[in-house]
Structures are given as C-alpha cells and as structure tokens.
C-alpha cells in the first residue's frame, strides 16, 4: 500500500511539473488596454504589421466589404479602423476585431471634469453602411462625491456614428487611391 501511494505521489508531481513547463512555452499576449495605438498598428492576430502593408485594412481582400475567409472576421475593416480612430480620445478597455466590439473606459473632458462618458461600439456587418455601426454612449455627472447617471443626447450618439462612417469612407478612398 505504501508503494502504491508513493507511486501515485510521483505521478502527480510529474504531471504537475509537465503541465507547468508546458505553460511556459505559451507566448504571453501584450496588453494594449488603454493604448489604442497598439490596436491600430497590429494585425488581426496581434502580430505587428509592417509599415505600408495596410494594417487592419489588409485583412480583407482589398475590396473593403469582402471578408477574408482565412481569418473568419465578420466585420468591415474600414468601419473597425474608423471606430478606433474616432474613439481614440477615450481610454480603451477592450477591442475584439473578430466580434466587432470596442469598449472604452470612462473619459472626463478637460473642460468639464465633473462629468464623464463611456462608449461601446458594435460593428454589426461586413458591409460599410449606416446600419452596420451601433454606438452606445453612457454619461455620468459628479454630484456630492458620487457619479450619477445622466441622459445622453441622441444627437451626440448619431454624431459619433456619422463621424465613424465618414472616417471609414475616407479610409476606403485612401486605400483605393494607393492601389492605383
């Protein structure tokens, strides 16, 4: 019985050591939280993109609306990049290019430090159209030392979505001009 317990302990110790050593071979992803520039200069899989290679725009087959089936991405690259560009003044919490979700952290404008905003952007389609982008904006006001939710003007949300669409159109035009 003692021999059996001893062998069992050896197997457990050996298994644990193998599992731990296998984990050290897994590369650790670089954190880009709060740094939107990292997402703009990285490829879809998180690998650096060579200058002039198109960056995120190159994940599509050059058409802007046709997904690259090798990556499985289901969002428009121009809208993705335009959304990152438009929201770049806010700290980034999360960006998922495969799901098309960008989440920012709270941002207080320097002119009004007693209010703050947070945005969630959803790219809903492979096509570059008005209904392919949805922005949710949250607003809070500081009252008596506590942040209280406040109403968001729908025109502000519409304005953000319009700026994203305009920037996406500019990016697409730039990409087409560089091909010629």
N, C-alpha and C. Protein backbone atom coordinates (compact mmCIF):
# COMPACT_ATOMS: atom_id res chain seq x y z
N UNK A 1 0.83 -1.19 0.00
CA UNK A 1 0.00 0.00 0.00
C UNK A 1 0.87 1.26 0.00
N UNK A 2 1.96 1.25 0.75
CA UNK A 2 2.85 2.40 0.83
C UNK A 2 3.51 2.63 -0.54
N UNK A 3 3.87 1.54 -1.22
CA UNK A 3 4.47 1.65 -2.53
C UNK A 3 3.49 2.28 -3.53
N UNK A 4 2.21 1.91 -3.45
CA UNK A 4 1.17 2.46 -4.33
C UNK A 4 1.00 3.96 -4.11
N UNK A 5 0.97 4.40 -2.83
CA UNK A 5 0.82 5.82 -2.51
C UNK A 5 2.05 6.59 -2.99
N UNK A 6 3.22 6.02 -2.84
CA UNK A 6 4.44 6.66 -3.27
C UNK A 6 4.45 6.85 -4.79
N UNK A 7 4.03 5.82 -5.53
CA UNK A 7 3.96 5.92 -6.99
C UNK A 7 2.92 6.97 -7.41
N UNK A 8 1.80 6.99 -6.71
CA UNK A 8 0.74 7.95 -7.02
C UNK A 8 1.26 9.38 -6.81
N UNK A 9 1.99 9.61 -5.72
CA UNK A 9 2.57 10.94 -5.47
C UNK A 9 3.55 11.31 -6.58
N UNK A 10 4.39 10.36 -7.00
CA UNK A 10 5.34 10.62 -8.07
C UNK A 10 4.63 10.98 -9.37
N UNK A 11 3.55 10.29 -9.68
CA UNK A 11 2.80 10.57 -10.90
C UNK A 11 2.18 11.96 -10.83
N UNK A 12 1.63 12.32 -9.69
CA UNK A 12 1.02 13.64 -9.52
C UNK A 12 2.08 14.73 -9.65
N UNK A 13 3.22 14.55 -9.01
CA UNK A 13 4.29 15.54 -9.07
C UNK A 13 4.81 15.66 -10.51
N UNK A 14 5.01 14.56 -11.19
CA UNK A 14 5.50 14.57 -12.56
C UNK A 14 4.47 15.24 -13.49
N UNK A 15 3.21 14.92 -13.33
CA UNK A 15 2.15 15.52 -14.16
C UNK A 15 2.09 17.02 -13.95
N UNK A 16 2.18 17.45 -12.70
CA UNK A 16 2.15 18.88 -12.39
C UNK A 16 3.36 19.58 -13.00
N UNK A 17 4.53 18.99 -12.89
CA UNK A 17 5.73 19.60 -13.45
C UNK A 17 5.62 19.72 -14.97
N UNK A 18 5.10 18.68 -15.62
CA UNK A 18 4.94 18.73 -17.07
C UNK A 18 3.94 19.81 -17.48
N UNK A 19 2.86 19.91 -16.74
CA UNK A 19 1.84 20.92 -17.05
C UNK A 19 2.39 22.33 -16.89
N UNK A 20 3.15 22.56 -15.84
CA UNK A 20 3.72 23.88 -15.60
C UNK A 20 4.76 24.21 -16.65
N UNK A 21 5.60 23.25 -17.01
CA UNK A 21 6.62 23.53 -18.02
C UNK A 21 6.00 23.76 -19.39
N UNK A 22 4.90 23.11 -19.68
CA UNK A 22 4.22 23.33 -20.97
C UNK A 22 3.65 24.74 -21.05
N UNK A 23 3.21 25.28 -19.93
CA UNK A 23 2.65 26.63 -19.93
C UNK A 23 3.69 27.69 -20.24
N UNK A 24 4.93 27.42 -19.92
CA UNK A 24 5.96 28.44 -20.17
C UNK A 24 6.23 28.61 -21.65
N UNK A 25 5.83 27.66 -22.48
CA UNK A 25 6.04 27.78 -23.92
C UNK A 25 4.97 28.61 -24.59
N UNK A 26 3.90 28.91 -23.90
CA UNK A 26 2.82 29.70 -24.48
C UNK A 26 3.21 31.17 -24.43
N UNK A 27 3.22 31.85 -25.58
CA UNK A 27 3.58 33.27 -25.56
C UNK A 27 2.53 34.10 -24.87
N UNK A 28 2.96 35.08 -24.11
CA UNK A 28 2.04 35.94 -23.40
C UNK A 28 1.65 37.10 -24.29
N UNK A 29 0.32 37.36 -24.41
CA UNK A 29 -0.08 38.49 -25.25
C UNK A 29 0.32 39.81 -24.62
N UNK A 30 0.66 40.78 -25.47
CA UNK A 30 0.99 42.10 -24.96
C UNK A 30 -0.31 42.82 -24.64
N UNK A 31 -0.34 43.47 -23.53
CA UNK A 31 -1.52 44.21 -23.15
C UNK A 31 -1.57 45.54 -23.89
N UNK A 32 -2.74 45.83 -24.47
CA UNK A 32 -2.91 47.10 -25.17
C UNK A 32 -4.05 47.89 -24.55
N UNK A 33 -4.50 47.46 -23.38
CA UNK A 33 -5.59 48.15 -22.72
C UNK A 33 -5.17 49.58 -22.45
N UNK A 34 -6.01 50.51 -22.87
CA UNK A 34 -5.73 51.91 -22.66
C UNK A 34 -4.81 52.51 -23.72
N UNK A 35 -4.38 51.70 -24.68
CA UNK A 35 -3.49 52.22 -25.71
C UNK A 35 -4.02 51.83 -27.08
N UNK A 36 -4.83 52.67 -27.62
CA UNK A 36 -5.48 52.39 -28.89
C UNK A 36 -4.49 52.31 -30.04
N UNK A 37 -3.34 52.95 -29.91
CA UNK A 37 -2.34 52.91 -30.98
C UNK A 37 -1.86 51.50 -31.22
N UNK A 38 -1.78 50.67 -30.17
CA UNK A 38 -1.35 49.30 -30.35
C UNK A 38 -2.29 48.54 -31.27
N UNK A 39 -3.59 48.78 -31.15
CA UNK A 39 -4.55 48.09 -32.00
C UNK A 39 -4.49 48.59 -33.43
N UNK A 40 -4.11 49.83 -33.63
CA UNK A 40 -4.03 50.37 -34.97
C UNK A 40 -2.79 49.89 -35.69
N UNK A 41 -1.76 49.53 -34.98
CA UNK A 41 -0.53 49.12 -35.62
C UNK A 41 -0.32 47.61 -35.57
N UNK A 42 -1.35 46.87 -35.20
CA UNK A 42 -1.20 45.43 -35.11
C UNK A 42 -2.15 44.74 -36.07
N UNK A 43 -1.76 43.58 -36.50
CA UNK A 43 -2.61 42.79 -37.38
C UNK A 43 -3.72 42.15 -36.57
N UNK A 44 -4.55 41.40 -37.23
CA UNK A 44 -5.71 40.81 -36.60
C UNK A 44 -5.33 39.85 -35.50
N UNK A 45 -4.30 39.06 -35.70
CA UNK A 45 -3.91 38.07 -34.70
C UNK A 45 -3.01 38.66 -33.64
N UNK A 46 -2.80 39.97 -33.66
CA UNK A 46 -1.99 40.61 -32.64
C UNK A 46 -0.52 40.67 -33.01
N UNK A 47 -0.20 40.31 -34.24
CA UNK A 47 1.18 40.38 -34.66
C UNK A 47 1.44 41.73 -35.30
N UNK A 48 2.61 42.30 -35.10
CA UNK A 48 2.91 43.60 -35.69
C UNK A 48 2.80 43.55 -37.21
N UNK A 49 2.34 44.65 -37.77
CA UNK A 49 2.16 44.75 -39.20
C UNK A 49 3.27 45.65 -39.75
N UNK A 50 3.88 45.24 -40.83
CA UNK A 50 4.94 46.03 -41.43
C UNK A 50 4.38 47.34 -41.95
N UNK A 51 5.11 48.44 -41.83
CA UNK A 51 4.63 49.72 -42.35
C UNK A 51 4.33 49.62 -43.83
N UNK A 52 3.20 50.20 -44.22
CA UNK A 52 2.81 50.21 -45.62
C UNK A 52 2.11 48.96 -46.08
N UNK A 53 1.93 47.98 -45.19
CA UNK A 53 1.29 46.74 -45.62
C UNK A 53 -0.22 46.79 -45.51
N UNK A 54 -0.78 47.89 -45.04
CA UNK A 54 -2.22 48.02 -45.00
C UNK A 54 -2.80 47.83 -43.62
N UNK A 55 -2.04 47.28 -42.69
CA UNK A 55 -2.54 47.11 -41.32
C UNK A 55 -3.86 46.37 -41.28
N UNK A 56 -4.78 46.89 -40.52
CA UNK A 56 -6.08 46.25 -40.38
C UNK A 56 -6.84 46.21 -41.70
N UNK A 57 -6.57 47.14 -42.58
CA UNK A 57 -7.27 47.15 -43.86
C UNK A 57 -6.88 45.98 -44.72
N UNK A 58 -5.74 45.39 -44.51
CA UNK A 58 -5.29 44.28 -45.34
C UNK A 58 -5.93 42.96 -44.94
N UNK A 59 -6.73 42.94 -43.90
CA UNK A 59 -7.38 41.69 -43.52
C UNK A 59 -8.49 41.33 -44.49
N UNK A 60 -8.85 42.27 -45.32
CA UNK A 60 -9.83 42.00 -46.35
C UNK A 60 -9.10 41.87 -47.68
N UNK A 61 -9.74 41.27 -48.63
CA UNK A 61 -9.11 41.01 -49.92
C UNK A 61 -9.06 42.24 -50.80
N UNK A 62 -8.89 43.42 -50.21
CA UNK A 62 -8.74 44.63 -50.97
C UNK A 62 -10.05 45.27 -51.39
N UNK A 63 -11.17 44.68 -51.08
CA UNK A 63 -12.45 45.22 -51.51
C UNK A 63 -13.16 45.98 -50.42
N UNK A 64 -12.81 45.79 -49.18
CA UNK A 64 -13.41 46.54 -48.09
C UNK A 64 -14.71 45.95 -47.58
N UNK A 65 -15.42 45.22 -48.39
CA UNK A 65 -16.68 44.62 -47.97
C UNK A 65 -16.65 43.11 -48.04
N UNK A 66 -15.56 42.55 -48.53
CA UNK A 66 -15.46 41.11 -48.67
C UNK A 66 -14.55 40.59 -47.57
N UNK A 67 -15.06 39.69 -46.71
CA UNK A 67 -14.21 39.20 -45.62
C UNK A 67 -13.15 38.24 -46.13
N UNK A 68 -12.05 38.22 -45.42
CA UNK A 68 -11.01 37.24 -45.68
C UNK A 68 -11.41 35.98 -44.97
N UNK A 69 -11.78 34.95 -45.70
CA UNK A 69 -12.30 33.74 -45.08
C UNK A 69 -11.26 33.01 -44.26
N UNK A 70 -9.98 33.28 -44.50
CA UNK A 70 -8.93 32.63 -43.72
C UNK A 70 -8.94 33.11 -42.27
N UNK A 71 -9.36 34.36 -42.03
CA UNK A 71 -9.36 34.88 -40.67
C UNK A 71 -10.70 34.69 -39.99
N UNK A 72 -11.77 34.53 -40.75
CA UNK A 72 -13.10 34.37 -40.17
C UNK A 72 -13.69 35.65 -39.61
N UNK A 73 -13.12 36.78 -39.96
CA UNK A 73 -13.61 38.05 -39.44
C UNK A 73 -14.92 38.40 -40.10
N UNK A 74 -15.86 38.86 -39.32
CA UNK A 74 -17.19 39.13 -39.82
C UNK A 74 -17.55 40.61 -39.80
N UNK A 75 -16.57 41.49 -39.69
CA UNK A 75 -16.85 42.93 -39.65
C UNK A 75 -16.07 43.64 -40.74
N UNK A 76 -16.50 44.83 -41.07
CA UNK A 76 -15.86 45.63 -42.10
C UNK A 76 -14.60 46.27 -41.54
N UNK A 77 -13.48 46.09 -42.21
CA UNK A 77 -12.20 46.59 -41.72
C UNK A 77 -12.15 48.11 -41.67
N UNK A 78 -12.79 48.77 -42.64
CA UNK A 78 -12.79 50.23 -42.65
C UNK A 78 -13.60 50.78 -41.47
N UNK A 79 -14.72 50.15 -41.18
CA UNK A 79 -15.51 50.58 -40.01
C UNK A 79 -14.75 50.32 -38.72
N UNK A 80 -14.05 49.20 -38.67
CA UNK A 80 -13.27 48.86 -37.47
C UNK A 80 -12.21 49.93 -37.20
N UNK A 81 -11.42 50.23 -38.21
CA UNK A 81 -10.36 51.21 -38.05
C UNK A 81 -10.93 52.60 -37.77
N UNK A 82 -12.00 52.96 -38.48
CA UNK A 82 -12.63 54.27 -38.29
C UNK A 82 -13.17 54.41 -36.88
N UNK A 83 -13.70 53.34 -36.33
CA UNK A 83 -14.23 53.38 -34.95
C UNK A 83 -13.09 53.59 -33.96
N UNK A 84 -11.99 52.88 -34.16
CA UNK A 84 -10.82 53.07 -33.29
C UNK A 84 -10.30 54.50 -33.39
N UNK A 85 -10.23 55.01 -34.62
CA UNK A 85 -9.74 56.38 -34.81
C UNK A 85 -10.66 57.40 -34.13
N UNK A 86 -11.96 57.24 -34.32
CA UNK A 86 -12.93 58.20 -33.79
C UNK A 86 -12.97 58.20 -32.27
N UNK A 87 -12.83 57.03 -31.67
CA UNK A 87 -12.89 56.93 -30.20
C UNK A 87 -11.51 56.98 -29.55
N UNK A 88 -10.49 57.33 -30.31
CA UNK A 88 -9.12 57.29 -29.78
C UNK A 88 -8.86 58.27 -28.65
N UNK A 89 -9.73 59.26 -28.46
CA UNK A 89 -9.53 60.21 -27.36
C UNK A 89 -9.95 59.60 -26.02
N UNK A 90 -10.65 58.47 -26.05
CA UNK A 90 -11.09 57.81 -24.81
C UNK A 90 -10.18 56.61 -24.53
N UNK A 91 -9.93 56.30 -23.24
CA UNK A 91 -9.10 55.13 -22.93
C UNK A 91 -9.80 53.85 -23.36
N UNK A 92 -9.06 52.96 -23.95
CA UNK A 92 -9.59 51.70 -24.47
C UNK A 92 -9.57 50.63 -23.39
N UNK A 93 -10.69 49.93 -23.22
CA UNK A 93 -10.75 48.82 -22.27
C UNK A 93 -10.64 47.50 -23.01
N UNK A 94 -11.37 47.39 -24.12
CA UNK A 94 -11.40 46.13 -24.84
C UNK A 94 -11.67 46.38 -26.32
N UNK A 95 -11.04 45.58 -27.16
CA UNK A 95 -11.29 45.66 -28.60
C UNK A 95 -11.22 44.24 -29.17
N UNK A 96 -12.30 43.82 -29.77
CA UNK A 96 -12.40 42.47 -30.34
C UNK A 96 -12.66 42.58 -31.84
N UNK A 97 -11.61 42.47 -32.67
CA UNK A 97 -11.81 42.62 -34.11
C UNK A 97 -12.62 41.49 -34.73
N UNK A 98 -12.66 40.33 -34.09
CA UNK A 98 -13.43 39.22 -34.63
C UNK A 98 -14.91 39.40 -34.36
N UNK A 99 -15.26 39.92 -33.20
CA UNK A 99 -16.66 40.15 -32.86
C UNK A 99 -17.13 41.55 -33.20
N UNK A 100 -16.20 42.45 -33.47
CA UNK A 100 -16.56 43.81 -33.82
C UNK A 100 -17.02 44.66 -32.66
N UNK A 101 -16.43 44.43 -31.48
CA UNK A 101 -16.84 45.16 -30.28
C UNK A 101 -15.65 45.98 -29.76
N UNK A 102 -15.91 47.26 -29.50
CA UNK A 102 -14.91 48.15 -28.90
C UNK A 102 -15.55 48.78 -27.67
N UNK A 103 -14.87 48.67 -26.54
CA UNK A 103 -15.38 49.20 -25.27
C UNK A 103 -14.34 50.16 -24.71
N UNK A 104 -14.78 51.36 -24.38
CA UNK A 104 -13.87 52.34 -23.79
C UNK A 104 -14.09 52.42 -22.28
N UNK A 105 -13.14 53.05 -21.62
CA UNK A 105 -13.27 53.34 -20.20
C UNK A 105 -13.86 54.74 -20.07
N UNK A 106 -14.13 55.15 -18.87
CA UNK A 106 -14.70 56.48 -18.63
C UNK A 106 -13.70 57.55 -19.04
N UNK A 107 -14.22 58.59 -19.64
CA UNK A 107 -13.41 59.72 -20.07
C UNK A 107 -14.07 61.01 -19.58
N UNK A 108 -13.30 61.85 -18.90
CA UNK A 108 -13.77 63.16 -18.46
C UNK A 108 -13.13 64.23 -19.33
N UNK A 109 -13.94 65.01 -20.03
CA UNK A 109 -13.37 66.10 -20.84
C UNK A 109 -12.64 67.10 -19.94
N UNK A 110 -11.49 67.61 -20.37
CA UNK A 110 -10.74 68.56 -19.54
C UNK A 110 -11.55 69.80 -19.16
N UNK A 111 -12.44 70.23 -20.03
CA UNK A 111 -13.23 71.43 -19.76
C UNK A 111 -14.33 71.19 -18.72
N UNK A 112 -14.76 69.93 -18.58
CA UNK A 112 -15.83 69.60 -17.63
C UNK A 112 -15.45 68.35 -16.83
N UNK A 113 -14.58 68.50 -15.83
CA UNK A 113 -14.11 67.32 -15.08
C UNK A 113 -15.18 66.70 -14.19
N UNK A 114 -16.31 67.34 -14.03
CA UNK A 114 -17.38 66.79 -13.19
C UNK A 114 -18.37 65.95 -13.99
N UNK A 115 -18.04 65.63 -15.21
CA UNK A 115 -18.85 64.71 -15.99
C UNK A 115 -17.92 63.77 -16.75
N UNK A 116 -18.44 62.58 -17.07
CA UNK A 116 -17.63 61.61 -17.78
C UNK A 116 -18.50 60.80 -18.74
N UNK A 117 -17.83 60.24 -19.73
CA UNK A 117 -18.51 59.49 -20.78
C UNK A 117 -17.82 58.15 -20.99
N UNK A 118 -18.58 57.19 -21.44
CA UNK A 118 -18.07 55.85 -21.76
C UNK A 118 -18.80 55.41 -23.02
N UNK A 119 -18.10 54.73 -23.93
CA UNK A 119 -18.72 54.31 -25.18
C UNK A 119 -18.49 52.83 -25.43
N UNK A 120 -19.51 52.21 -26.00
CA UNK A 120 -19.42 50.85 -26.52
C UNK A 120 -19.79 50.94 -27.99
N UNK A 121 -18.95 50.41 -28.86
CA UNK A 121 -19.23 50.44 -30.28
C UNK A 121 -19.33 49.01 -30.79
N UNK A 122 -20.32 48.78 -31.63
CA UNK A 122 -20.57 47.46 -32.20
C UNK A 122 -20.59 47.58 -33.72
N UNK A 123 -19.74 46.84 -34.38
CA UNK A 123 -19.77 46.77 -35.84
C UNK A 123 -20.56 45.52 -36.16
N UNK A 124 -21.69 45.72 -36.84
CA UNK A 124 -22.69 44.68 -36.98
C UNK A 124 -22.70 43.98 -38.33
N UNK A 125 -21.84 44.41 -39.25
CA UNK A 125 -21.95 43.87 -40.60
C UNK A 125 -20.61 43.91 -41.31
N UNK A 126 -20.54 43.16 -42.40
CA UNK A 126 -19.37 43.18 -43.27
C UNK A 126 -19.44 44.36 -44.24
N UNK A 127 -20.62 44.90 -44.44
CA UNK A 127 -20.79 45.99 -45.39
C UNK A 127 -20.57 47.32 -44.69
N UNK A 128 -20.21 48.31 -45.49
CA UNK A 128 -20.00 49.65 -44.94
C UNK A 128 -21.28 50.45 -45.18
N UNK A 129 -22.17 50.38 -44.19
CA UNK A 129 -23.44 51.07 -44.30
C UNK A 129 -23.81 51.66 -42.95
N UNK A 130 -24.81 52.55 -42.96
CA UNK A 130 -25.20 53.25 -41.73
C UNK A 130 -25.69 52.29 -40.65
N UNK A 131 -26.34 51.21 -41.04
CA UNK A 131 -26.84 50.28 -40.02
C UNK A 131 -25.80 49.24 -39.61
N UNK A 132 -24.57 49.39 -40.07
CA UNK A 132 -23.50 48.46 -39.71
C UNK A 132 -22.75 48.89 -38.45
N UNK A 133 -23.02 50.09 -37.96
CA UNK A 133 -22.34 50.59 -36.75
C UNK A 133 -23.37 51.03 -35.73
N UNK A 134 -23.18 50.61 -34.49
CA UNK A 134 -24.06 50.99 -33.39
C UNK A 134 -23.18 51.43 -32.23
N UNK A 135 -23.41 52.65 -31.76
CA UNK A 135 -22.65 53.18 -30.63
C UNK A 135 -23.60 53.39 -29.46
N UNK A 136 -23.21 52.91 -28.29
CA UNK A 136 -23.93 53.17 -27.05
C UNK A 136 -23.04 54.10 -26.23
N UNK A 137 -23.61 55.21 -25.80
CA UNK A 137 -22.85 56.19 -25.04
C UNK A 137 -23.47 56.34 -23.66
N UNK A 138 -22.62 56.36 -22.65
CA UNK A 138 -23.07 56.50 -21.27
C UNK A 138 -22.51 57.79 -20.71
N UNK A 139 -23.29 58.46 -19.89
CA UNK A 139 -22.91 59.78 -19.36
C UNK A 139 -23.19 59.78 -17.86
N UNK A 140 -22.24 60.28 -17.08
CA UNK A 140 -22.41 60.42 -15.64
C UNK A 140 -21.94 61.80 -15.21
N UNK A 141 -22.59 62.29 -14.15
CA UNK A 141 -22.27 63.60 -13.59
C UNK A 141 -21.89 63.40 -12.13
N UNK A 142 -20.85 64.11 -11.66
CA UNK A 142 -20.42 64.03 -10.27
C UNK A 142 -21.26 64.95 -9.41
N UNK A 143 -21.99 64.34 -8.46
CA UNK A 143 -22.83 65.10 -7.53
C UNK A 143 -22.58 64.60 -6.11
N UNK A 144 -22.18 65.51 -5.23
CA UNK A 144 -21.91 65.17 -3.83
C UNK A 144 -20.93 64.00 -3.70
N UNK A 145 -19.91 63.98 -4.55
CA UNK A 145 -18.88 62.96 -4.46
C UNK A 145 -19.25 61.63 -5.09
N UNK A 146 -20.40 61.52 -5.75
CA UNK A 146 -20.81 60.26 -6.37
C UNK A 146 -21.18 60.49 -7.83
N UNK A 147 -20.86 59.51 -8.66
CA UNK A 147 -21.21 59.60 -10.06
C UNK A 147 -22.65 59.15 -10.25
N UNK A 148 -23.44 60.03 -10.84
CA UNK A 148 -24.87 59.78 -11.08
C UNK A 148 -25.09 59.69 -12.59
N UNK A 149 -25.84 58.69 -13.03
CA UNK A 149 -26.14 58.55 -14.46
C UNK A 149 -26.95 59.73 -14.94
N UNK A 150 -26.64 60.17 -16.15
CA UNK A 150 -27.34 61.30 -16.76
C UNK A 150 -27.77 60.90 -18.17
N UNK A 151 -28.70 61.64 -18.70
CA UNK A 151 -29.19 61.37 -20.05
C UNK A 151 -28.12 61.71 -21.09
N UNK A 152 -28.16 60.97 -22.17
CA UNK A 152 -27.27 61.23 -23.30
C UNK A 152 -28.13 61.77 -24.43
N UNK A 153 -27.70 62.86 -25.00
CA UNK A 153 -28.40 63.45 -26.13
C UNK A 153 -28.28 62.49 -27.32
N UNK A 154 -29.40 62.03 -27.89
CA UNK A 154 -29.33 61.13 -29.05
C UNK A 154 -28.54 61.72 -30.22
N UNK A 155 -28.53 63.05 -30.33
CA UNK A 155 -27.77 63.69 -31.41
C UNK A 155 -26.27 63.44 -31.24
N UNK A 156 -25.82 63.31 -30.00
CA UNK A 156 -24.40 63.04 -29.75
C UNK A 156 -24.04 61.64 -30.27
N UNK A 157 -24.90 60.67 -30.00
CA UNK A 157 -24.66 59.30 -30.47
C UNK A 157 -24.70 59.28 -32.00
N UNK A 158 -25.69 59.92 -32.58
CA UNK A 158 -25.78 59.98 -34.04
C UNK A 158 -24.56 60.66 -34.64
N UNK A 159 -24.08 61.70 -33.98
CA UNK A 159 -22.89 62.41 -34.45
C UNK A 159 -21.66 61.52 -34.45
N UNK A 160 -21.50 60.70 -33.38
CA UNK A 160 -20.37 59.77 -33.32
C UNK A 160 -20.46 58.74 -34.45
N UNK A 161 -21.65 58.19 -34.66
CA UNK A 161 -21.83 57.21 -35.71
C UNK A 161 -21.55 57.82 -37.09
N UNK A 162 -21.99 59.06 -37.29
CA UNK A 162 -21.74 59.75 -38.56
C UNK A 162 -20.24 59.99 -38.78
N UNK A 163 -19.54 60.38 -37.71
CA UNK A 163 -18.09 60.59 -37.82
C UNK A 163 -17.36 59.29 -38.15
N UNK A 164 -17.81 58.19 -37.56
CA UNK A 164 -17.21 56.88 -37.84
C UNK A 164 -17.42 56.52 -39.31
N UNK A 165 -18.65 56.71 -39.80
CA UNK A 165 -18.94 56.39 -41.20
C UNK A 165 -18.13 57.27 -42.16
N UNK A 166 -18.01 58.55 -41.84
CA UNK A 166 -17.23 59.46 -42.68
C UNK A 166 -15.75 59.06 -42.69
N UNK A 167 -15.22 58.71 -41.53
CA UNK A 167 -13.81 58.28 -41.45
C UNK A 167 -13.61 56.98 -42.22
N UNK A 168 -14.58 56.05 -42.13
CA UNK A 168 -14.48 54.78 -42.86
C UNK A 168 -14.47 55.04 -44.37
N UNK A 169 -15.29 55.97 -44.82
CA UNK A 169 -15.31 56.31 -46.25
C UNK A 169 -13.96 56.90 -46.68
N UNK A 170 -13.38 57.74 -45.83
CA UNK A 170 -12.06 58.31 -46.12
C UNK A 170 -10.99 57.22 -46.20
N UNK A 171 -11.02 56.28 -45.26
CA UNK A 171 -10.04 55.19 -45.26
C UNK A 171 -10.18 54.33 -46.51
N UNK A 172 -11.41 54.06 -46.91
CA UNK A 172 -11.63 53.25 -48.11
C UNK A 172 -11.12 53.99 -49.34
N UNK A 173 -11.39 55.29 -49.43
CA UNK A 173 -10.92 56.09 -50.56
C UNK A 173 -9.40 56.13 -50.60
N UNK A 174 -8.77 56.30 -49.43
CA UNK A 174 -7.30 56.31 -49.36
C UNK A 174 -6.72 54.97 -49.83
N UNK A 175 -7.35 53.88 -49.41
CA UNK A 175 -6.87 52.56 -49.80
C UNK A 175 -7.00 52.34 -51.30
N UNK A 176 -8.07 52.81 -51.88
CA UNK A 176 -8.27 52.67 -53.32
C UNK A 176 -7.31 53.55 -54.10
N UNK A 177 -7.00 54.72 -53.57
CA UNK A 177 -6.05 55.63 -54.25
C UNK A 177 -4.63 55.08 -54.23
N UNK A 178 -4.27 54.39 -53.17
CA UNK A 178 -2.91 53.83 -53.07
C UNK A 178 -2.74 52.63 -53.99
N UNK A 179 -3.82 51.97 -54.37
CA UNK A 179 -3.73 50.82 -55.28
C UNK A 179 -3.50 51.26 -56.71
N UNK A 180 -3.92 52.48 -57.03
CA UNK A 180 -3.83 52.95 -58.42
C UNK A 180 -2.49 53.49 -58.75
